[in-house]
Amino acid sequence: MTPRTWRPDGPGSFLAPTGVTTVRDQHGQLWTRHTTRWTSTGITYIRWRTLIALHGPVTEEPATR
């Protein structure tokens, strides 16, 4: 399956799609979902639309088992 990508000006940039829990930004930084907010450090949390706007495009990371 090809990983999905979201861009600031594209569809899906306002609300995170259901089932997406980990994404990688344009700089290679890994972001994980905790409830409705996203973090790369575990300390600072931001909303999906802010993540896309400031760090996009972001690409879905494959689920790890």
C-alpha atoms as a PDB file:
ATOM      1  CA  MET A   1       0.000   0.000   0.000  1.00  0.00           C
ATOM      2  CA  THR A   2       1.303   3.441  -0.914  1.00  0.00           C
ATOM      3  CA  PRO A   3       1.604   5.888   2.009  1.00  0.00           C
ATOM      4  CA  ARG A   4      -0.811   8.820   1.847  1.00  0.00           C
ATOM      5  CA  THR A   5       0.457  12.422   1.808  1.00  0.00           C
ATOM      6  CA  TRP A   6      -1.306  15.585   2.990  1.00  0.00           C
ATOM      7  CA  ARG A   7      -0.413  19.116   1.874  1.00  0.00           C
ATOM      8  CA  PRO A   8      -1.437  22.457   3.426  1.00  0.00           C
ATOM      9  CA  ASP A   9      -3.595  23.353   0.408  1.00  0.00           C
ATOM     10  CA  GLY A  10      -5.020  19.893  -0.230  1.00  0.00           C
ATOM     11  CA  PRO A  11      -7.943  17.776   0.934  1.00  0.00           C
ATOM     12  CA  GLY A  12      -7.644  16.341   4.433  1.00  0.00           C
ATOM     13  CA  SER A  13      -5.631  19.288   5.707  1.00  0.00           C
ATOM     14  CA  PHE A  14      -8.264  20.355   8.255  1.00  0.00           C
ATOM     15  CA  LEU A  15      -9.077  17.091  10.065  1.00  0.00           C
ATOM     16  CA  ALA A  16      -6.841  14.062  10.490  1.00  0.00           C
ATOM     17  CA  PRO A  17      -8.216  11.013   8.681  1.00  0.00           C
ATOM     18  CA  THR A  18      -9.476   8.206  10.890  1.00  0.00           C
ATOM     19  CA  GLY A  19      -6.845   5.576  11.576  1.00  0.00           C
ATOM     20  CA  VAL A  20      -3.807   7.778  10.950  1.00  0.00           C
ATOM     21  CA  THR A  21      -1.601   7.663  14.062  1.00  0.00           C
ATOM     22  CA  THR A  22       1.928   8.375  12.795  1.00  0.00           C
ATOM     23  CA  VAL A  23       3.211  10.721  10.086  1.00  0.00           C
ATOM     24  CA  ARG A  24       6.584  12.051   8.966  1.00  0.00           C
ATOM     25  CA  ASP A  25       7.000  15.735   8.043  1.00  0.00           C
ATOM     26  CA  GLN A  26       9.011  17.299   5.219  1.00  0.00           C
ATOM     27  CA  HIS A  27      12.133  17.361   7.416  1.00  0.00           C
ATOM     28  CA  GLY A  28      11.908  13.691   8.370  1.00  0.00           C
ATOM     29  CA  GLN A  29      10.593  14.293  11.898  1.00  0.00           C
ATOM     30  CA  LEU A  30       8.178  11.663  13.210  1.00  0.00           C
ATOM     31  CA  TRP A  31       4.846  12.875  14.670  1.00  0.00           C
ATOM     32  CA  THR A  32       2.461  10.682  16.662  1.00  0.00           C
ATOM     33  CA  ARG A  33      -1.181  11.162  17.565  1.00  0.00           C
ATOM     34  CA  HIS A  34      -2.419  11.372  21.138  1.00  0.00           C
ATOM     35  CA  THR A  35      -6.223  11.746  21.181  1.00  0.00           C
ATOM     36  CA  THR A  36      -6.843  14.811  18.963  1.00  0.00           C
ATOM     37  CA  ARG A  37      -3.382  16.362  19.129  1.00  0.00           C
ATOM     38  CA  TRP A  38       0.009  15.514  17.623  1.00  0.00           C
ATOM     39  CA  THR A  39       3.501  15.523  19.122  1.00  0.00           C
ATOM     40  CA  SER A  40       7.052  14.851  18.040  1.00  0.00           C
ATOM     41  CA  THR A  41       8.606  15.261  21.490  1.00  0.00           C
ATOM     42  CA  GLY A  42       5.949  14.116  23.945  1.00  0.00           C
ATOM     43  CA  ILE A  43       5.999  17.568  25.547  1.00  0.00           C
ATOM     44  CA  THR A  44       4.440  19.945  23.022  1.00  0.00           C
ATOM     45  CA  TYR A  45       1.155  19.082  21.303  1.00  0.00           C
ATOM     46  CA  ILE A  46      -0.427  20.707  18.235  1.00  0.00           C
ATOM     47  CA  ARG A  47      -3.575  20.165  16.197  1.00  0.00           C
ATOM     48  CA  TRP A  48      -3.597  18.369  12.836  1.00  0.00           C
ATOM     49  CA  ARG A  49      -4.296  21.532  10.830  1.00  0.00           C
ATOM     50  CA  THR A  50      -1.346  23.286  12.522  1.00  0.00           C
ATOM     51  CA  LEU A  51       0.908  20.297  11.857  1.00  0.00           C
ATOM     52  CA  ILE A  52      -0.020  20.367   8.169  1.00  0.00           C
ATOM     53  CA  ALA A  53       0.317  24.150   7.888  1.00  0.00           C
ATOM     54  CA  LEU A  54       3.704  24.438   9.632  1.00  0.00           C
ATOM     55  CA  HIS A  55       5.352  21.104   8.827  1.00  0.00           C
ATOM     56  CA  GLY A  56       3.569  19.880   5.700  1.00  0.00           C
ATOM     57  CA  PRO A  57       3.503  18.082   3.512  1.00  0.00           C
ATOM     58  CA  VAL A  58       3.349  15.077   5.820  1.00  0.00           C
ATOM     59  CA  THR A  59       3.401  11.420   4.812  1.00  0.00           C
ATOM     60  CA  GLU A  60       1.737   8.554   6.602  1.00  0.00           C
ATOM     61  CA  GLU A  61       4.108   6.106   8.259  1.00  0.00           C
ATOM     62  CA  PRO A  62       3.300   2.402   8.006  1.00  0.00           C
ATOM     63  CA  ALA A  63       1.900   0.854  11.172  1.00  0.00           C
ATOM     64  CA  THR A  64       4.430  -1.088  13.212  1.00  0.00           C
ATOM     65  CA  ARG A  65       3.496  -4.313  14.923  1.00  0.00           C
END
